[in-house]
């Protein structure tokens, strides 16, 4: 095995009404957001609308990429990059 270092920092918000922190995290990276999701269950459960509402509160530019499979292929990722 090759020697290497791996550093993975992840912030996870737990608890009620934590979606309200979304804009805090997103604004660290700019005013444009790419929302990536799969087959649409996010819409069926209502989470999509909640996320979009939070993003719109900050007048963010929202782009969408739907239909992405789990563990996406490079071609799917490239579609979102273009």
Protein backbone atom coordinates (compact mmCIF):
# COMPACT_ATOMS: atom_id res chain seq x y z
CA UNK A 1 0.00 0.00 0.00
CA UNK A 2 1.18 3.54 -0.74
CA UNK A 3 1.59 6.00 2.09
CA UNK A 4 -1.03 8.74 2.08
CA UNK A 5 -2.99 11.16 4.20
CA UNK A 6 -6.76 11.43 4.07
CA UNK A 7 -8.58 14.39 5.59
CA UNK A 8 -12.37 14.48 5.49
CA UNK A 9 -14.16 17.27 7.28
CA UNK A 10 -17.91 17.02 7.27
CA UNK A 11 -20.34 19.20 9.16
CA UNK A 12 -23.65 17.51 9.96
CA UNK A 13 -26.59 19.34 11.52
CA UNK A 14 -28.82 17.14 13.68
CA UNK A 15 -32.16 18.01 15.21
CA UNK A 16 -35.36 19.83 14.47
CA UNK A 17 -35.43 22.72 11.96
CA UNK A 18 -31.79 22.34 10.94
CA UNK A 19 -32.55 23.11 7.29
CA UNK A 20 -32.57 26.76 8.36
CA UNK A 21 -28.75 26.57 8.46
CA UNK A 22 -28.54 25.69 4.76
CA UNK A 23 -27.98 29.24 3.58
CA UNK A 24 -25.12 29.72 6.07
CA UNK A 25 -23.21 26.86 4.52
CA UNK A 26 -24.08 27.61 0.90
CA UNK A 27 -23.13 31.30 1.07
CA UNK A 28 -19.57 30.34 2.02
CA UNK A 29 -19.11 29.19 -1.57
CA UNK A 30 -20.93 31.83 -3.59
CA UNK A 31 -24.36 32.79 -4.85
CA UNK A 32 -24.97 29.91 -7.28
CA UNK A 33 -26.18 26.47 -6.25
CA UNK A 34 -26.39 23.20 -8.14
CA UNK A 35 -29.10 20.98 -6.63
CA UNK A 36 -28.40 17.37 -7.58
CA UNK A 37 -30.90 14.58 -6.98
CA UNK A 38 -31.97 11.21 -8.31
CA UNK A 39 -35.34 9.84 -9.25
CA UNK A 40 -37.54 12.34 -7.51
CA UNK A 41 -38.30 10.87 -4.07
CA UNK A 42 -36.97 14.14 -2.66
CA UNK A 43 -39.99 15.80 -4.28
CA UNK A 44 -42.45 13.15 -3.11
CA UNK A 45 -41.53 13.65 0.54
CA UNK A 46 -41.55 17.45 0.28
CA UNK A 47 -37.87 18.00 1.06
CA UNK A 48 -37.18 19.47 -2.39
CA UNK A 49 -39.64 22.33 -1.84
CA UNK A 50 -38.19 23.06 1.60
CA UNK A 51 -34.65 23.21 0.23
CA UNK A 52 -35.62 25.43 -2.71
CA UNK A 53 -37.54 27.77 -0.39
CA UNK A 54 -34.48 28.13 1.86
CA UNK A 55 -32.24 28.88 -1.11
CA UNK A 56 -34.65 31.41 -2.58
CA UNK A 57 -34.72 33.35 0.70
CA UNK A 58 -31.11 34.35 -0.02
CA UNK A 59 -31.77 35.13 -3.71
CA UNK A 60 -29.36 32.43 -4.79
CA UNK A 61 -29.10 31.38 -8.43
CA UNK A 62 -30.36 27.78 -8.49
CA UNK A 63 -29.44 25.16 -11.09
CA UNK A 64 -30.80 21.62 -11.09
CA UNK A 65 -29.45 18.28 -12.21
CA UNK A 66 -31.94 15.45 -11.72
CA UNK A 67 -31.98 11.78 -12.59
CA UNK A 68 -28.55 11.13 -11.12
CA UNK A 69 -27.95 7.51 -10.19
CA UNK A 70 -26.42 6.40 -6.87
CA UNK A 71 -22.62 6.35 -7.10
CA UNK A 72 -22.79 8.36 -10.32
CA UNK A 73 -20.68 7.64 -13.35
CA UNK A 74 -18.16 10.19 -14.58
CA UNK A 75 -20.46 10.99 -17.50
CA UNK A 76 -23.22 12.03 -15.07
CA UNK A 77 -20.85 14.21 -13.11
CA UNK A 78 -19.60 15.83 -16.32
CA UNK A 79 -23.20 16.65 -17.28
CA UNK A 80 -23.51 18.70 -14.10
CA UNK A 81 -20.20 20.44 -14.70
CA UNK A 82 -21.29 21.76 -18.08
